[in-house]
Structure formats: structure tokens, C-alpha cells
N, C-alpha and C. Protein backbone atom coordinates (compact mmCIF):
# COMPACT_ATOMS: atom_id res chain seq x y z
N MET A 1 -136.62 -87.51 -98.99
CA MET A 1 -135.61 -87.12 -97.78
C MET A 1 -135.46 -87.22 -96.69
N GLU A 2 -134.75 -87.01 -95.97
CA GLU A 2 -134.79 -87.01 -94.26
C GLU A 2 -134.13 -85.96 -93.93
N TYR A 3 -134.19 -85.33 -92.79
CA TYR A 3 -133.86 -83.78 -92.36
C TYR A 3 -134.11 -84.29 -90.90
N ILE A 4 -133.35 -83.23 -90.51
CA ILE A 4 -133.93 -83.04 -88.68
C ILE A 4 -134.17 -81.62 -88.62
N ALA A 5 -134.97 -81.28 -88.08
CA ALA A 5 -135.98 -80.15 -87.49
C ALA A 5 -135.51 -79.42 -86.09
N ASP A 6 -135.10 -77.92 -85.98
CA ASP A 6 -134.78 -77.69 -85.09
C ASP A 6 -135.99 -77.38 -84.28
N THR A 7 -135.98 -77.09 -82.79
CA THR A 7 -137.26 -77.05 -82.13
C THR A 7 -138.00 -76.06 -82.61
N VAL A 8 -137.59 -74.49 -83.01
CA VAL A 8 -138.95 -73.71 -83.47
C VAL A 8 -139.14 -73.76 -84.06
N ALA A 9 -138.30 -75.10 -85.32
CA ALA A 9 -139.36 -75.48 -86.27
C ALA A 9 -140.27 -76.17 -86.38
N VAL A 10 -140.12 -76.84 -84.99
CA VAL A 10 -141.64 -77.95 -84.88
C VAL A 10 -142.55 -77.41 -84.21
N ILE A 11 -142.04 -76.73 -83.48
CA ILE A 11 -143.40 -75.43 -82.85
C ILE A 11 -143.99 -74.64 -83.61
N ARG A 12 -143.13 -74.34 -84.57
CA ARG A 12 -144.11 -73.19 -85.77
C ARG A 12 -144.61 -74.33 -86.21
N HIS A 13 -144.86 -75.14 -86.85
CA HIS A 13 -145.07 -75.83 -87.64
C HIS A 13 -146.12 -76.72 -87.05
N PHE A 14 -146.20 -77.46 -86.01
CA PHE A 14 -146.76 -78.23 -85.32
C PHE A 14 -147.73 -77.31 -84.75
N SER A 15 -147.58 -76.22 -84.23
CA SER A 15 -149.07 -75.03 -83.78
C SER A 15 -149.32 -74.20 -84.63
N LYS A 16 -149.08 -73.88 -85.95
CA LYS A 16 -149.03 -73.35 -87.32
C LYS A 16 -149.13 -71.86 -86.82
N THR A 17 -148.20 -71.40 -86.10
CA THR A 17 -148.28 -70.18 -85.63
C THR A 17 -146.34 -69.90 -85.90
N GLY A 18 -146.29 -68.39 -86.05
CA GLY A 18 -145.36 -67.77 -85.92
C GLY A 18 -144.41 -67.63 -87.88
N ARG A 19 -143.63 -67.42 -88.27
CA ARG A 19 -142.94 -67.37 -89.71
C ARG A 19 -141.89 -68.53 -89.33
N MET A 20 -142.00 -69.09 -90.67
CA MET A 20 -141.23 -70.10 -91.36
C MET A 20 -141.17 -69.77 -92.61
N GLY A 21 -140.07 -69.88 -93.06
CA GLY A 21 -139.38 -70.11 -94.08
C GLY A 21 -140.09 -70.88 -95.06
N ASN A 22 -140.13 -70.25 -96.66
CA ASN A 22 -140.45 -71.00 -97.45
C ASN A 22 -140.34 -72.58 -97.41
N ASN A 23 -138.92 -72.15 -97.63
CA ASN A 23 -138.24 -73.80 -98.34
C ASN A 23 -138.58 -74.74 -96.98
N ALA A 24 -138.41 -73.87 -95.79
CA ALA A 24 -138.58 -75.43 -94.66
C ALA A 24 -140.33 -75.50 -94.48
N GLY A 25 -141.02 -74.66 -94.80
CA GLY A 25 -142.49 -74.72 -94.66
C GLY A 25 -142.88 -75.67 -95.35
N ARG A 26 -142.61 -75.40 -96.68
CA ARG A 26 -142.87 -76.44 -97.72
C ARG A 26 -142.19 -77.92 -97.27
N ILE A 27 -140.88 -78.59 -96.98
CA ILE A 27 -140.39 -79.63 -96.85
C ILE A 27 -141.13 -80.04 -95.60
N LEU A 28 -141.50 -79.79 -94.30
CA LEU A 28 -142.42 -79.63 -93.14
C LEU A 28 -143.84 -80.46 -93.96
N ARG A 29 -144.66 -79.61 -94.32
CA ARG A 29 -145.76 -79.80 -95.44
C ARG A 29 -145.78 -80.98 -96.10
N ASP A 30 -144.36 -81.32 -96.92
CA ASP A 30 -144.72 -82.38 -97.70
C ASP A 30 -144.32 -83.72 -96.80
N ALA A 31 -143.38 -83.41 -95.31
CA ALA A 31 -143.78 -84.45 -94.73
C ALA A 31 -144.96 -84.81 -94.16
N ASP A 32 -145.85 -83.93 -94.04
CA ASP A 32 -146.70 -84.46 -93.40
C ASP A 32 -147.70 -84.86 -94.19
N SER A 33 -147.75 -85.16 -95.54
CA SER A 33 -147.99 -85.55 -96.61
C SER A 33 -147.22 -87.38 -97.18
N GLY A 34 -145.98 -87.35 -96.32
CA GLY A 34 -145.12 -88.53 -96.56
C GLY A 34 -144.42 -88.44 -97.53
N LEU A 35 -143.71 -87.45 -98.16
CA LEU A 35 -142.51 -86.87 -99.08
C LEU A 35 -141.49 -86.81 -98.49
N HIS A 36 -141.44 -86.84 -97.05
CA HIS A 36 -139.58 -86.21 -96.62
C HIS A 36 -140.10 -87.17 -94.72
N THR A 37 -138.85 -87.54 -94.37
CA THR A 37 -138.92 -87.81 -92.87
C THR A 37 -138.29 -87.06 -92.19
N ILE A 38 -139.19 -86.35 -91.13
CA ILE A 38 -138.34 -84.99 -89.98
C ILE A 38 -137.77 -86.27 -89.02
N GLY A 39 -136.96 -86.30 -88.98
CA GLY A 39 -135.97 -86.01 -87.21
C GLY A 39 -136.42 -85.16 -86.30
N ILE A 40 -137.26 -85.46 -85.36
CA ILE A 40 -136.97 -84.75 -83.87
C ILE A 40 -135.62 -85.01 -82.96
N SER A 41 -135.05 -84.28 -82.62
CA SER A 41 -134.18 -84.56 -81.94
C SER A 41 -134.77 -84.93 -80.17
N ILE A 42 -134.22 -85.57 -79.21
CA ILE A 42 -134.98 -85.41 -78.35
C ILE A 42 -134.52 -84.82 -77.38
N ILE A 43 -133.61 -83.86 -77.61
CA ILE A 43 -133.58 -82.19 -76.63
C ILE A 43 -134.91 -81.52 -77.02
N SER A 44 -135.10 -81.71 -78.47
CA SER A 44 -136.32 -80.49 -78.77
C SER A 44 -137.19 -81.08 -78.08
N LEU A 45 -137.63 -82.19 -78.10
CA LEU A 45 -139.01 -83.02 -77.17
C LEU A 45 -138.61 -82.42 -75.85
N VAL A 46 -137.50 -81.48 -74.98
CA VAL A 46 -137.24 -81.67 -73.45
C VAL A 46 -137.69 -80.09 -73.85
N GLU A 47 -136.75 -79.60 -74.69
CA GLU A 47 -137.28 -78.01 -74.63
C GLU A 47 -138.95 -77.77 -75.33
N ILE A 48 -139.47 -78.45 -75.76
CA ILE A 48 -140.98 -78.27 -76.16
C ILE A 48 -141.97 -78.40 -74.85
N LEU A 49 -140.92 -79.84 -73.94
CA LEU A 49 -142.06 -80.31 -72.52
C LEU A 49 -141.37 -78.67 -71.17
N TYR A 50 -140.65 -78.36 -71.70
CA TYR A 50 -140.75 -77.26 -70.61
C TYR A 50 -140.98 -75.94 -71.38
N LEU A 51 -140.78 -75.72 -72.17
CA LEU A 51 -141.38 -74.61 -72.44
C LEU A 51 -142.48 -74.86 -72.75
N SER A 52 -143.66 -75.70 -73.19
CA SER A 52 -145.23 -75.98 -72.64
C SER A 52 -145.57 -75.44 -71.16
N GLU A 53 -144.67 -76.29 -70.41
CA GLU A 53 -144.92 -76.04 -68.83
C GLU A 53 -145.06 -74.58 -68.28
N LYS A 54 -143.77 -73.77 -69.51
CA LYS A 54 -143.93 -72.97 -68.42
C LYS A 54 -145.07 -71.64 -69.48
N ASN A 55 -145.93 -72.15 -70.12
CA ASN A 55 -146.73 -71.44 -70.68
C ASN A 55 -146.08 -70.48 -72.39
N ARG A 56 -145.29 -71.04 -72.36
CA ARG A 56 -144.23 -70.20 -73.40
C ARG A 56 -144.13 -70.13 -74.55
N ILE A 57 -145.03 -71.48 -75.60
CA ILE A 57 -144.87 -71.69 -76.61
C ILE A 57 -146.59 -71.70 -76.56
N PRO A 58 -147.37 -71.90 -78.01
CA PRO A 58 -148.50 -71.93 -78.47
C PRO A 58 -148.76 -73.56 -78.56
N LEU A 59 -147.96 -74.98 -77.70
CA LEU A 59 -147.82 -75.65 -78.23
C LEU A 59 -147.99 -76.79 -76.47
N ASP A 60 -148.94 -77.49 -76.64
CA ASP A 60 -148.77 -78.25 -75.62
C ASP A 60 -147.74 -79.78 -75.77
N PHE A 61 -147.44 -80.60 -74.92
CA PHE A 61 -146.38 -81.31 -75.03
C PHE A 61 -147.02 -82.44 -75.57
N ARG A 62 -147.92 -82.77 -75.09
CA ARG A 62 -149.05 -83.80 -75.05
C ARG A 62 -149.36 -83.46 -77.04
N ASP A 63 -149.72 -82.64 -77.00
CA ASP A 63 -150.16 -82.64 -78.99
C ASP A 63 -148.95 -82.75 -79.86
N ALA A 64 -147.74 -82.41 -79.15
CA ALA A 64 -146.39 -82.61 -79.82
C ALA A 64 -146.18 -83.93 -79.70
N LYS A 65 -145.99 -84.92 -79.08
CA LYS A 65 -145.77 -86.19 -78.48
C LYS A 65 -146.89 -87.32 -79.79
N ASN A 66 -148.37 -86.53 -79.45
CA ASN A 66 -149.38 -87.55 -80.19
C ASN A 66 -148.53 -87.12 -81.66
N ARG A 67 -149.00 -86.18 -82.07
CA ARG A 67 -148.77 -85.73 -83.30
C ARG A 67 -147.49 -86.74 -84.08
N ILE A 68 -146.00 -86.64 -83.68
CA ILE A 68 -145.26 -87.74 -83.31
C ILE A 68 -145.41 -88.92 -83.86
N ARG A 69 -146.41 -89.48 -82.74
CA ARG A 69 -146.31 -90.78 -82.69
C ARG A 69 -147.45 -91.58 -83.71
N HIS A 70 -148.34 -90.40 -84.36
CA HIS A 70 -149.52 -90.38 -85.25
C HIS A 70 -149.19 -90.30 -86.35
N VAL A 71 -147.99 -89.69 -86.86
CA VAL A 71 -147.65 -89.09 -88.30
C VAL A 71 -146.65 -90.41 -88.83
N ASP A 72 -146.43 -90.79 -89.38
CA ASP A 72 -145.44 -92.00 -89.64
C ASP A 72 -143.88 -91.05 -90.15
N ASN A 73 -143.93 -90.03 -90.81
CA ASN A 73 -142.50 -89.61 -91.31
C ASN A 73 -142.05 -88.14 -89.93
N TYR A 74 -142.41 -88.51 -89.30
CA TYR A 74 -141.95 -88.18 -87.76
C TYR A 74 -141.48 -89.03 -87.23
N LYS A 75 -139.92 -88.85 -86.91
CA LYS A 75 -139.37 -89.60 -85.75
C LYS A 75 -138.35 -88.96 -84.99
N VAL A 76 -138.64 -89.66 -83.76
CA VAL A 76 -137.09 -88.97 -82.30
C VAL A 76 -136.03 -89.72 -82.62
N THR A 77 -134.85 -88.53 -82.05
CA THR A 77 -133.65 -89.31 -82.84
C THR A 77 -133.12 -89.08 -81.27
N ASP A 78 -133.02 -90.27 -80.55
CA ASP A 78 -131.97 -89.88 -79.39
C ASP A 78 -130.85 -89.25 -79.25
N LEU A 79 -130.07 -89.68 -77.87
CA LEU A 79 -129.22 -88.52 -77.78
C LEU A 79 -127.84 -89.95 -77.50
N ASP A 80 -126.87 -89.31 -77.95
CA ASP A 80 -126.18 -90.87 -77.56
C ASP A 80 -124.60 -90.20 -77.46
N MET A 81 -123.70 -91.38 -76.93
CA MET A 81 -122.10 -90.54 -76.27
C MET A 81 -121.93 -89.90 -77.93
N ASP A 82 -121.90 -90.62 -79.17
CA ASP A 82 -121.30 -90.14 -80.45
C ASP A 82 -121.99 -88.75 -80.11
N ILE A 83 -123.02 -88.67 -80.58
CA ILE A 83 -123.40 -86.87 -80.83
C ILE A 83 -123.03 -85.94 -79.95
N VAL A 84 -122.87 -86.52 -78.61
CA VAL A 84 -122.50 -85.76 -77.97
C VAL A 84 -120.52 -85.23 -77.87
N GLY A 85 -120.01 -86.35 -78.49
CA GLY A 85 -118.65 -86.23 -79.21
C GLY A 85 -118.66 -85.62 -80.05
N ILE A 86 -120.11 -85.07 -81.08
CA ILE A 86 -120.21 -84.71 -82.19
C ILE A 86 -120.11 -83.14 -81.97
N SER A 87 -120.64 -82.85 -80.75
CA SER A 87 -121.17 -81.14 -80.72
C SER A 87 -120.21 -80.58 -79.85
N LYS A 88 -119.14 -81.13 -79.41
CA LYS A 88 -117.30 -80.91 -79.05
C LYS A 88 -116.97 -79.98 -80.37
N THR A 89 -117.68 -79.64 -81.69
CA THR A 89 -116.73 -79.40 -82.88
C THR A 89 -117.65 -78.51 -83.05
N VAL A 90 -118.75 -78.34 -82.19
CA VAL A 90 -119.98 -77.18 -82.99
C VAL A 90 -119.94 -76.07 -82.01
N GLN A 91 -119.62 -74.70 -82.47
CA GLN A 91 -118.90 -73.89 -81.41
C GLN A 91 -120.17 -72.60 -81.92
N GLY A 92 -120.19 -71.26 -80.80
CA GLY A 92 -121.04 -70.34 -81.15
C GLY A 92 -122.43 -70.46 -80.94
N LEU A 93 -122.81 -71.66 -80.28
CA LEU A 93 -124.28 -72.58 -80.35
C LEU A 93 -124.75 -72.32 -78.41
N GLU A 94 -125.84 -72.35 -78.15
CA GLU A 94 -126.10 -72.81 -76.88
C GLU A 94 -126.17 -73.92 -77.03
N LEU A 95 -126.11 -74.86 -75.73
CA LEU A 95 -125.78 -76.04 -75.43
C LEU A 95 -127.04 -77.23 -76.21
N HIS A 96 -127.89 -76.35 -76.26
CA HIS A 96 -129.21 -77.60 -76.82
C HIS A 96 -129.39 -77.20 -78.14
N ASP A 97 -128.57 -76.45 -78.87
CA ASP A 97 -128.65 -75.93 -80.27
C ASP A 97 -127.56 -77.09 -80.78
N ARG A 98 -126.18 -76.80 -79.79
CA ARG A 98 -125.21 -77.99 -80.45
C ARG A 98 -125.73 -79.26 -80.83
N LEU A 99 -126.56 -79.53 -79.63
CA LEU A 99 -126.87 -81.19 -79.78
C LEU A 99 -127.73 -81.43 -80.84
N ILE A 100 -128.62 -80.47 -81.26
CA ILE A 100 -129.41 -80.68 -82.29
C ILE A 100 -128.03 -80.60 -83.38
N VAL A 101 -127.35 -79.70 -83.71
CA VAL A 101 -126.92 -79.90 -84.58
C VAL A 101 -125.92 -80.96 -85.31
N ALA A 102 -125.51 -81.44 -83.60
CA ALA A 102 -124.57 -82.90 -83.93
C ALA A 102 -125.19 -84.19 -84.28
N THR A 103 -126.73 -83.75 -83.60
CA THR A 103 -127.25 -84.81 -84.37
C THR A 103 -127.27 -84.97 -85.67
N ALA A 104 -127.72 -83.78 -86.81
CA ALA A 104 -127.61 -83.34 -87.79
C ALA A 104 -126.66 -84.16 -88.44
N LEU A 105 -125.13 -83.89 -87.63
CA LEU A 105 -123.73 -83.91 -88.64
C LEU A 105 -123.96 -85.50 -88.25
N PHE A 106 -124.35 -85.92 -87.29
CA PHE A 106 -123.76 -87.66 -87.29
C PHE A 106 -124.96 -87.85 -88.15
N LEU A 107 -126.01 -87.80 -88.28
CA LEU A 107 -126.79 -88.77 -89.74
C LEU A 107 -126.53 -88.00 -90.85
N ASN A 108 -125.90 -87.05 -91.02
CA ASN A 108 -125.59 -86.22 -92.31
C ASN A 108 -126.80 -86.05 -92.76
N VAL A 109 -127.78 -85.32 -92.16
CA VAL A 109 -128.54 -85.02 -92.55
C VAL A 109 -128.65 -83.36 -92.81
N PRO A 110 -129.68 -82.51 -93.78
CA PRO A 110 -129.71 -80.86 -93.39
C PRO A 110 -131.06 -81.02 -92.37
N ILE A 111 -130.47 -79.50 -91.57
CA ILE A 111 -131.34 -79.06 -90.62
C ILE A 111 -132.04 -77.88 -91.20
N LEU A 112 -133.58 -78.07 -91.09
CA LEU A 112 -134.37 -76.99 -90.94
C LEU A 112 -134.89 -76.57 -89.87
N THR A 113 -134.73 -75.54 -90.34
CA THR A 113 -134.86 -73.89 -89.14
C THR A 113 -135.82 -72.96 -89.15
N SER A 114 -136.46 -73.06 -88.39
CA SER A 114 -137.80 -71.58 -88.51
C SER A 114 -137.38 -70.63 -89.84
N LEU A 115 -137.00 -70.47 -90.02
CA LEU A 115 -136.19 -69.38 -91.26
C LEU A 115 -136.04 -69.85 -92.12
N GLN A 116 -135.19 -71.23 -92.50
CA GLN A 116 -134.81 -71.10 -94.07
C GLN A 116 -134.29 -73.10 -93.71
N CYS A 117 -134.03 -73.29 -94.51
CA CYS A 117 -133.47 -74.84 -94.91
C CYS A 117 -132.02 -74.74 -94.58
N ARG A 118 -131.37 -75.08 -94.11
CA ARG A 118 -129.78 -75.14 -94.55
C ARG A 118 -129.21 -76.20 -95.26
N CYS A 119 -130.22 -76.92 -95.91
CA CYS A 119 -129.20 -77.60 -96.91
C CYS A 119 -128.88 -77.65 -97.93
N ARG A 120 -127.87 -78.28 -98.36
CA ARG A 120 -127.49 -77.80 -99.88
C ARG A 120 -127.88 -77.99 -100.94
N ILE A 121 -129.16 -78.49 -101.11
CA ILE A 121 -130.34 -78.22 -101.56
C ILE A 121 -130.56 -76.49 -101.68
N CYS A 122 -131.19 -76.20 -100.86
CA CYS A 122 -131.69 -74.80 -100.80
C CYS A 122 -131.01 -73.72 -100.66
N ARG A 123 -129.19 -74.02 -100.34
CA ARG A 123 -128.40 -72.88 -100.35
C ARG A 123 -128.27 -72.05 -101.50
């Protein structure tokens, strides 16, 4: 199955730190074994770059980039006009989160968060 992971889920999974919900953690571990495909929004990579430069996360941008490049089941999802348009329908979140949610809506895939999977399967 295909998913989009939010930034915190990516950081916690790649750095093996912090709390992760059982479903999201299992899905991400399964992706490492080739069972699922995890989309990572380019927005998440920009957040990881910024936060790593500020030493606010236990993950270096280069390490995240290398992990994505060397694991076939992780793919970067670019931002485009369609996703930006969909983000107008997402309310109550900060801009970067709206864009990640809009990416999932555009691709019609569930979102993995650090606390839980919000997909229809795990509800």
C-alpha cells in the first residue's frame, strides 16, 4: 500500500527517536522491508533541512536524503499547482501541514503521523 508520511513521522522513524504510534511504526518498518511505499513531501524535506540546521532534531538532512535515495520504498513527492489548489480546502493547520495533507488528498493515499495512521484501515 502507498502512504504519505508527515514530517515528524519521518524524523522519528529515520532517527529512531521519539514516540510513534503502533500502526504508523509498523507501516514504516514494513516499508523498510519492501511491503509499503512511503511518499515524503518535498515540504517535509525542507522542514528537515531547516530543523537540522537549527539543531532542533536528531536527524541530519544528508542522512535523511541518503536514506530516501537508498531505499526503493521511499519516494519524494513534489509540490505542484494542483496540490497548492487543494491546500485551500484544508483548514485549521499550519501552511506546511496543509500542503502535506493536500499532497495525500491529491494522491488519494492515507497519511502517517507520528502518533497514528489516519487511514481508513486503522480507524
